[in-house]
Every structure is written in structure tokens, then in C-alpha cells.
Amino acid sequence: QVQLIESGGGSVQAGGSLRLSCAASGRTFSRFAMGWFRQVPGKEREFVCALNRSGGSTFYADSVKGRFTVSRDTAKNTVYLQMNRLKPEDTGIYYCAADEEPIVVPRADFEKRIWGQGTQVTVSS
């Protein structure tokens, strides 16, 4: 079973950058497509971005396209989310997700998913 540990969250002013990391344990990391979701209080968890299982394709929500970059280091069993030109509306808890599928299902309610514990990102104006 894969376990996910996120790190790298914090507080930043609008226009700034943060990089999140998601370290996965277990030797089956390569069987999973990886992604990031985020959630703010009172709202549903939403898809942010993802990599397919091979890491050769990326997918982004329109709201982050051109500002966020997702990448994967298979040797380190780690997925990264580089967030640039951050906006206050990017504030939320960011969750790493692992789907044992060719691609991440861009729905927060996908049952066959492994979640990380989440890391807080706060962007002030």
C-alpha cells in the first residue's frame, strides 16, 4: 500500500511562489497516477492538476494553467507541485492523491484513491 506525505505549504503574498512535495512510501509507486486537489472550508475539494502513470502527460484545471507545474521524480518516489504567481483564491489545503489507474480521475469523490494528510497554503493580498 502507498502512503503519501505532503510538505512545503506555508504563507506567501500574492504573486509569490511555493513548491509542494508529496513523498510516497512503498515499492508500487510506479503503478499510480498522481495528482493534487485542494479544498477551502465550506467548499468541495477540487481537482488542481495531475500526472498520468508514466509521468509523460500532465493535466491542469483552467484556474491554475500556466501558473502551476506538476512533476514527478520516480527515483525519489516524490511528486512536486510548483506554484507561481499565486493568487488569494489559491488559498486552501492541498492534498496529494494517488490513483492506481492510468490517469487520475479528476473527481474528489473517487473511492479507490489514496490521499495524503494535506498541507495548508495561504496567499495574502
Protein backbone atom coordinates (compact mmCIF):
# COMPACT_ATOMS: atom_id res chain seq x y z
CA GLN A 1 0.00 0.00 0.00
CA VAL A 2 1.24 3.52 -0.80
CA GLN A 3 1.31 6.21 1.89
CA LEU A 4 1.61 9.88 0.97
CA ILE A 5 3.23 12.67 2.99
CA GLU A 6 2.93 16.27 1.78
CA SER A 7 5.22 19.13 2.73
CA GLY A 8 6.07 22.62 1.59
CA GLY A 9 2.92 24.53 2.41
CA GLY A 10 3.03 27.94 4.03
CA SER A 11 2.04 31.57 3.73
CA VAL A 12 3.03 33.82 0.86
CA GLN A 13 1.96 37.13 -0.61
CA ALA A 14 0.09 37.31 -3.88
CA GLY A 15 2.47 36.95 -6.80
CA GLY A 16 4.81 34.72 -4.84
CA SER A 17 5.74 31.07 -5.26
CA LEU A 18 5.66 27.85 -3.26
CA ARG A 19 6.67 24.31 -4.02
CA LEU A 20 4.80 21.40 -2.52
CA SER A 21 6.23 17.92 -2.26
CA CYS A 22 4.47 14.60 -1.89
CA ALA A 23 6.67 11.72 -0.81
CA ALA A 24 5.26 8.24 -1.36
CA SER A 25 6.26 5.14 0.54
CA GLY A 26 6.03 1.67 -0.91
CA ARG A 27 7.55 -0.03 -3.89
CA THR A 28 4.42 0.20 -6.04
CA PHE A 29 4.67 3.95 -6.63
CA SER A 30 5.10 3.46 -10.38
CA ARG A 31 1.66 1.83 -10.61
CA PHE A 32 -0.08 5.04 -9.61
CA ALA A 33 -1.13 8.14 -11.46
CA MET A 34 -0.53 11.13 -9.14
CA GLY A 35 -2.36 14.37 -8.65
CA TRP A 36 -3.17 17.33 -6.45
CA PHE A 37 -6.51 18.55 -5.16
CA ARG A 38 -7.34 21.47 -2.89
CA GLN A 39 -10.12 22.44 -0.54
CA VAL A 40 -11.26 25.54 1.30
CA PRO A 41 -13.71 25.48 4.22
CA GLY A 42 -17.29 25.31 3.06
CA LYS A 43 -16.41 24.21 -0.46
CA GLU A 44 -15.93 20.87 -2.12
CA ARG A 45 -12.48 19.52 -2.75
CA GLU A 46 -11.44 20.35 -6.30
CA PHE A 47 -9.03 18.96 -8.84
CA VAL A 48 -5.88 21.04 -9.39
CA CYS A 49 -3.54 19.01 -11.58
CA ALA A 50 -2.22 15.53 -12.27
CA LEU A 51 0.34 13.34 -13.99
CA ASN A 52 -0.52 10.14 -15.76
CA ARG A 53 1.01 6.90 -14.56
CA SER A 54 4.05 7.16 -16.83
CA GLY A 55 4.57 10.80 -15.97
CA GLY A 56 4.56 11.72 -19.64
CA SER A 57 1.31 13.69 -19.63
CA THR A 58 0.05 16.44 -17.35
CA PHE A 59 -3.40 17.83 -16.76
CA TYR A 60 -4.37 21.14 -15.16
CA ALA A 61 -7.51 22.87 -14.01
CA ASP A 62 -8.14 26.02 -16.03
CA SER A 63 -7.71 28.14 -12.91
CA VAL A 64 -4.05 27.13 -12.49
CA LYS A 65 -2.96 26.53 -16.07
CA GLY A 66 0.18 28.49 -16.91
CA ARG A 67 0.99 29.13 -13.24
CA PHE A 68 1.34 25.67 -11.69
CA THR A 69 3.60 22.84 -12.79
CA VAL A 70 3.35 19.24 -11.61
CA SER A 71 6.31 16.91 -11.91
CA ARG A 72 7.46 13.53 -10.68
CA ASP A 73 10.80 12.12 -9.59
CA THR A 74 10.37 8.37 -9.78
CA ALA A 75 13.79 7.68 -8.23
CA LYS A 76 12.74 9.63 -5.12
CA ASN A 77 9.10 8.44 -5.15
CA THR A 78 8.12 12.10 -4.98
CA VAL A 79 5.68 14.34 -6.80
CA TYR A 80 6.11 18.11 -6.82
CA LEU A 81 3.75 20.99 -7.36
CA GLN A 82 5.48 24.24 -8.29
CA MET A 83 3.07 27.12 -7.80
CA ASN A 84 3.98 30.51 -9.27
CA ARG A 85 2.13 33.82 -9.45
CA LEU A 86 -0.04 32.74 -6.57
CA LYS A 87 -3.39 34.42 -6.00
CA PRO A 88 -5.50 34.74 -2.84
CA GLU A 89 -8.01 32.35 -4.40
CA ASP A 90 -5.32 29.65 -4.41
CA THR A 91 -5.59 29.54 -0.62
CA GLY A 92 -6.63 26.15 0.74
CA ILE A 93 -5.48 22.79 1.98
CA TYR A 94 -3.65 20.94 -0.77
CA TYR A 95 -3.92 17.17 -0.90
CA CYS A 96 -1.75 14.76 -2.80
CA ALA A 97 -3.66 11.92 -4.44
CA ALA A 98 -2.68 8.55 -5.88
CA ASP A 99 -4.95 6.57 -8.20
CA GLU A 100 -4.00 3.07 -9.27
CA GLU A 101 -5.20 3.98 -12.75
CA PRO A 102 -3.53 5.16 -15.98
CA ILE A 103 -4.68 8.71 -15.19
CA VAL A 104 -6.06 10.49 -12.12
CA VAL A 105 -9.82 10.61 -12.04
CA PRO A 106 -10.50 14.37 -11.73
CA ARG A 107 -13.29 13.87 -9.19
CA ALA A 108 -12.74 14.33 -5.48
CA ASP A 109 -15.17 11.53 -4.64
CA PHE A 110 -13.29 8.76 -6.48
CA GLU A 111 -13.39 5.97 -3.92
CA LYS A 112 -10.33 4.00 -4.97
CA ARG A 113 -7.87 6.75 -4.09
CA ILE A 114 -5.09 7.19 -1.59
CA TRP A 115 -4.94 10.65 -0.01
CA GLY A 116 -2.17 12.45 1.79
CA GLN A 117 -2.87 14.32 5.01
CA GLY A 118 -2.91 17.74 3.35
CA THR A 119 -0.79 20.86 3.65
CA GLN A 120 -2.05 24.43 4.12
CA VAL A 121 -1.33 27.11 1.54
CA THR A 122 -2.28 30.68 2.39
CA VAL A 123 -1.93 33.52 -0.10
CA SER A 124 -2.48 37.04 1.19
CA SER A 125 -3.34 40.04 -0.95
